[in-house]
Amino acid sequence: MKKVAAGLGAAILLTPFALILPVAMAAQKDGKFDNGSGACSGSGGPQPVDTAAIQAAIKLILSGAAGPTAPVAGMDLPTVQIPMAQTIVATGIALQVPPRGQVIALATAMQESQLRNLSSGDRDSLGLFQQRPSQGWGSPAQLQDPVYASTAFYKALLAVAGWQNLPLTVAAQKVQKSGYPDAYAQWEPLATALQQAIGTALKAPVAGTAPPSSASPGSCTPPGTDWGIIPPGVLPAGYQIPTDASPAVQAAIRWALGQLNTPYQWGGLCTNSHGPDPMGRCDCSSLMQQSYKAAGITLERVTYDQVKQGSAVSPDQLRAGDLLFTEPGPNGPEHVGMYIGDGLVVHAPHTGDVVRLASYSSWKSGVIAIRRVAP
């Protein structure tokens, strides 16, 4: 766990938002936030929040446009608390924890420390989550590292059977084993608003978004060969890049196929997918971006922007090189692949998988937009 946390710490410190963290840490070391216990005994129900107002204030704080006393309802020192919330969310994203898990983590930290990196608490409790060295959570120094503390919480949460289906306060209590097991529920609305605002800023999935849909075969047979089951990372024998495609499309397809069987990496730039650096590997949109860069065509980085490029195409006009967008979200489609002809799609699916091919028939019913970005 130590190695994971250290790696995540290095990654998060590269983000612009983390520049605020030293201020928060310095203030905490001065003793300003040491309230003796790090938690209160309140166990009221969820408190209503003005989500839009909170998100607007958070956006100002994260952009650096807000002053030191920028108000956020439910927080008494948001310019310190929001960066801590950002660390919790960013760590969850890096660990591929779903938005619901990030909300649970935020609500837990609100109850335990009011999103402060405390140097003391009940007995030997420390840090954002008031974890105890004597209970095996880590050393005192580790537990005051917000990335390590967040990682430790997420690992414990993910080990809870069926945590996704539990009420927030139940899931949090199974990790924390608090003397006030119902107290976490009151923070759920604010935690949700925080995750939505920070997740949006990081261009990551947010709470309240419908889970990705599972594409099912279309109602009619698409053009191309029936390839049967295609093993991960394998190019079926007999496939050929369409010779009637434009040179740019052929180049883009050729480059994309060169990344087959390389590991997926959320946020990876796809600049060296075969190399040792995870951030050089591909996610769905960077695979499209770099494939077309090899063809001399510039694409935006994320699916929300890529879906606005080029021209719209109807399914009956589909041809090799077209981008297929699936999984609708509040900001636009969450996934993209490239149709490469002969009934095949190349894409980078998700964490734990590799760049691979899929049949267009398995995608057809889930496609929400098709864009042609090359002649």
Foldseek 3Di string as FASTA:
>chain_A
DVVLLVVLVVVVCVDQQCVLQVVQVVVQVVVPQAPAALADQDQDAADDAPLVVQLVQLVCLSVVNDDQCRDHPPARGCNNQLSLLLLLLSLCVQVVNDQVLSLLLSLQLCRRHVSHQHLCHDPRFTGSNRDHVVVPLDDSVQRSPSSSVSVSQSVQLVVDPPSVPDPSLQSSCSRNVDPNSNRSNHCNNVSQSSQQSSCVVVVHDGPPKDPFDFFAFDPDDDAADCQDDDPALDDDPPDDQDPPDDPLLSQLVVQLNVFGPFFAHVCAQCCCSPDDDSNVRHAFQSSNQVSNVSSVFGADRAPLRRLVAADWDDPVRDDFQKKFFFGATPSGGHGIWTHRDRQKTWGNHDHPGGTGIDGVRRCVVGTDTIHHHDD
